[in-house]
């Protein structure tokens, strides 16, 4: 696919095998897209928790056992990016479920270079890591979609199996594009670009 940017770009290298680098695609309104993504992020953050995310030893666990079709968790940047966490783990669940993890806070946010253990081959295409308030995020490895419309994202190394939405992006991390195709509860007041 194409890489589309707004007003400025600084690309030192890329591994695109097809597609072009295009400045401000005239078929898309970046201002409207930004508004819609901020609204989507805020809407996802307004959803009530359906389960509890918790730390156990060095794992941050999301338990989907007997969970609904759409599982919503709330945590903070401070808890989620704790130095003692070395693994993000989804237990239970089926490939028909979706996980929305709302991670609140403006600073100290990130997805550490930890492991990801998704039981039952849970698809990363059904996971959204939503940072509705973050102004900066550091990450090194991700499975799923990162939605952080206010954040400057630093991704110096590592691999993402998913997609990234942020205010800006820097780094040499590898992105293996896997579009989100889980379920999002409907909110008729915003368009869904995620």
Protein backbone atom coordinates (compact mmCIF):
# COMPACT_ATOMS: atom_id res chain seq x y z
CA UNK A 1 0.00 0.00 0.00
CA UNK A 2 0.89 3.66 -0.05
CA UNK A 3 2.44 5.72 2.73
CA UNK A 4 0.48 8.98 2.97
CA UNK A 5 1.67 11.94 5.04
CA UNK A 6 0.44 15.46 5.75
CA UNK A 7 2.85 18.39 5.50
CA UNK A 8 6.33 17.04 6.32
CA UNK A 9 8.22 13.78 6.16
CA UNK A 10 11.65 12.56 7.15
CA UNK A 11 12.29 9.05 5.88
CA UNK A 12 15.84 7.76 5.87
CA UNK A 13 14.97 4.30 4.60
CA UNK A 14 11.97 2.07 4.08
CA UNK A 15 11.22 -1.46 3.06
CA UNK A 16 8.10 -0.90 0.98
CA UNK A 17 7.97 -3.48 -1.79
CA UNK A 18 5.06 -1.84 -3.56
CA UNK A 19 3.23 1.46 -3.33
CA UNK A 20 4.39 5.04 -3.22
CA UNK A 21 5.14 7.78 -0.72
CA UNK A 22 2.47 10.42 -1.31
CA UNK A 23 2.06 13.89 0.21
CA UNK A 24 -1.45 14.66 1.49
CA UNK A 25 -3.66 12.41 -0.57
CA UNK A 26 -6.39 14.68 -1.95
CA UNK A 27 -9.00 11.97 -1.46
CA UNK A 28 -8.58 12.16 2.33
CA UNK A 29 -9.11 15.08 4.68
CA UNK A 30 -6.41 14.72 7.33
CA UNK A 31 -8.16 17.24 9.59
CA UNK A 32 -11.41 15.23 9.49
CA UNK A 33 -9.53 11.97 9.90
CA UNK A 34 -7.78 13.35 12.99
CA UNK A 35 -11.10 14.52 14.45
CA UNK A 36 -12.69 11.12 13.82
CA UNK A 37 -9.76 9.20 15.33
CA UNK A 38 -9.75 11.39 18.46
CA UNK A 39 -13.52 10.87 18.78
CA UNK A 40 -13.14 7.11 18.31
CA UNK A 41 -10.39 6.96 20.95
CA UNK A 42 -12.48 8.98 23.42
CA UNK A 43 -15.53 6.83 22.70
CA UNK A 44 -13.61 3.58 23.29
CA UNK A 45 -12.31 5.01 26.57
CA UNK A 46 -15.89 5.79 27.65
CA UNK A 47 -16.93 2.14 27.40
CA UNK A 48 -17.47 0.37 30.72
CA UNK A 49 -15.02 -2.31 31.78
CA UNK A 50 -16.19 -5.84 31.21
CA UNK A 51 -13.27 -7.44 33.03
CA UNK A 52 -10.24 -6.71 35.11
CA UNK A 53 -6.69 -6.58 33.86
CA UNK A 54 -4.17 -7.45 36.53
CA UNK A 55 -0.50 -8.10 37.17
CA UNK A 56 0.61 -11.54 38.27
CA UNK A 57 4.32 -12.01 38.81
CA UNK A 58 5.89 -10.52 35.67
CA UNK A 59 2.78 -10.80 33.47
CA UNK A 60 0.02 -8.33 32.75
CA UNK A 61 -3.05 -10.53 32.27
CA UNK A 62 -6.32 -10.00 30.41
CA UNK A 63 -8.77 -12.80 31.23
CA UNK A 64 -11.36 -13.42 28.52
CA UNK A 65 -12.74 -16.59 30.06
CA UNK A 66 -16.52 -16.39 29.80
CA UNK A 67 -16.14 -12.83 28.52
CA UNK A 68 -18.51 -11.05 26.14
CA UNK A 69 -17.91 -10.59 22.43
CA UNK A 70 -16.27 -7.21 23.10
CA UNK A 71 -14.00 -7.15 26.15
CA UNK A 72 -13.07 -3.74 27.57
CA UNK A 73 -10.29 -3.18 30.09
CA UNK A 74 -9.09 0.03 31.77
CA UNK A 75 -5.63 0.60 33.22
CA UNK A 76 -3.08 3.41 33.57
CA UNK A 77 0.21 4.14 31.85
CA UNK A 78 1.95 3.79 35.22
CA UNK A 79 0.58 0.29 35.88
CA UNK A 80 0.84 -0.91 32.31
CA UNK A 81 4.43 0.21 31.72
CA UNK A 82 5.72 -1.06 35.06
CA UNK A 83 9.36 -2.22 34.83
CA UNK A 84 8.44 -5.55 36.42
CA UNK A 85 6.12 -6.44 33.51
CA UNK A 86 7.83 -8.58 30.89
CA UNK A 87 4.81 -10.20 29.26
CA UNK A 88 1.30 -9.28 28.13
CA UNK A 89 -0.96 -12.30 28.32
CA UNK A 90 -4.46 -12.97 27.02
CA UNK A 91 -6.00 -16.05 28.59
CA UNK A 92 -9.18 -17.76 27.52
CA UNK A 93 -11.17 -16.28 24.73
CA UNK A 94 -12.02 -17.28 21.20
CA UNK A 95 -11.15 -15.84 17.81
CA UNK A 96 -14.61 -14.21 17.67
CA UNK A 97 -13.90 -11.90 20.63
CA UNK A 98 -12.41 -8.39 20.59
CA UNK A 99 -10.23 -6.71 23.23
CA UNK A 100 -10.14 -2.96 23.80
CA UNK A 101 -7.48 -1.96 26.35
CA UNK A 102 -7.84 1.67 27.45
CA UNK A 103 -4.57 2.92 28.93
CA UNK A 104 -5.06 6.30 30.60
CA UNK A 105 -2.44 8.95 31.30
CA UNK A 106 -0.44 11.51 29.35
CA UNK A 107 3.18 10.52 30.07
CA UNK A 108 5.16 7.42 30.95
CA UNK A 109 3.14 5.41 28.43
CA UNK A 110 4.43 2.56 26.39
CA UNK A 111 4.40 -1.03 25.28
CA UNK A 112 7.56 -2.61 26.56
CA UNK A 113 9.79 -5.02 24.74
CA UNK A 114 8.08 -7.89 26.45
CA UNK A 115 6.56 -11.06 25.19
CA UNK A 116 2.99 -11.56 24.12
CA UNK A 117 1.20 -14.76 24.96
CA UNK A 118 -2.21 -15.03 23.33
CA UNK A 119 -3.89 -18.33 24.24
CA UNK A 120 -6.03 -20.23 21.73
CA UNK A 121 -4.27 -18.43 18.86
CA UNK A 122 -6.18 -15.26 19.74
CA UNK A 123 -5.80 -12.94 16.72
CA UNK A 124 -3.86 -9.70 17.15
CA UNK A 125 -6.25 -8.27 14.53
CA UNK A 126 -8.87 -8.22 17.31
CA UNK A 127 -6.85 -6.14 19.82
CA UNK A 128 -6.82 -2.34 20.26
CA UNK A 129 -4.34 -0.71 22.65
CA UNK A 130 -6.07 2.66 23.11
CA UNK A 131 -4.08 5.57 24.59
CA UNK A 132 -6.72 8.35 24.57
CA UNK A 133 -4.70 10.97 26.51
CA UNK A 134 -1.06 10.02 25.89
CA UNK A 135 1.19 12.73 24.47
CA UNK A 136 4.19 10.41 24.05
CA UNK A 137 4.61 6.65 23.78
CA UNK A 138 7.73 4.51 23.69
CA UNK A 139 7.37 0.99 22.36
CA UNK A 140 9.43 -1.88 21.14
CA UNK A 141 7.02 -4.73 20.44
CA UNK A 142 3.28 -4.82 19.82
CA UNK A 143 0.64 -7.31 18.79
CA UNK A 144 -2.51 -5.45 17.73
CA UNK A 145 -3.54 -1.91 16.82
CA UNK A 146 -2.16 1.09 18.72
CA UNK A 147 -4.59 4.03 18.74
CA UNK A 148 -2.93 7.12 20.23
CA UNK A 149 -4.15 10.18 18.31
CA UNK A 150 -2.41 12.78 20.55
CA UNK A 151 0.90 10.93 20.93
CA UNK A 152 4.36 11.30 19.47
CA UNK A 153 5.29 7.64 19.07
CA UNK A 154 8.89 6.48 19.39
CA UNK A 155 9.54 2.98 18.02
CA UNK A 156 13.35 2.65 17.81
CA UNK A 157 13.45 -1.14 17.36
CA UNK A 158 11.26 -4.21 17.50
CA UNK A 159 8.27 -5.50 15.56
CA UNK A 160 4.59 -4.64 15.51
CA UNK A 161 2.07 -7.16 14.25
CA UNK A 162 -0.76 -4.70 13.59
CA UNK A 163 -1.05 -1.00 12.87
CA UNK A 164 -0.20 2.32 14.52
CA UNK A 165 -2.20 5.55 14.67
CA UNK A 166 -0.53 8.54 16.34
CA UNK A 167 0.22 12.24 16.04
CA UNK A 168 3.77 11.50 14.86
CA UNK A 169 6.03 8.50 14.48
CA UNK A 170 9.79 8.05 14.66
CA UNK A 171 12.02 5.03 14.73
CA UNK A 172 13.30 2.06 12.80
CA UNK A 173 10.92 -0.58 14.17
CA UNK A 174 9.41 -3.05 11.74
CA UNK A 175 5.67 -2.88 11.06
CA UNK A 176 3.98 -6.03 9.81
CA UNK A 177 0.69 -4.45 8.78
CA UNK A 178 -2.34 -6.36 10.05
CA UNK A 179 -5.49 -4.29 9.88
CA UNK A 180 -7.86 -4.36 12.85
CA UNK A 181 -10.94 -6.43 12.05
CA UNK A 182 -12.52 -6.99 15.43
CA UNK A 183 -15.87 -5.61 16.60
CA UNK A 184 -16.34 -2.11 17.99
CA UNK A 185 -19.65 -1.28 19.68
CA UNK A 186 -21.48 1.27 17.56
CA UNK A 187 -21.52 4.96 18.39
CA UNK A 188 -23.54 6.87 15.83
CA UNK A 189 -21.84 10.18 16.64
CA UNK A 190 -18.43 9.33 15.13
CA UNK A 191 -17.09 7.59 12.06
CA UNK A 192 -14.84 4.58 12.70
CA UNK A 193 -11.49 4.78 10.92
CA UNK A 194 -9.74 2.22 13.15
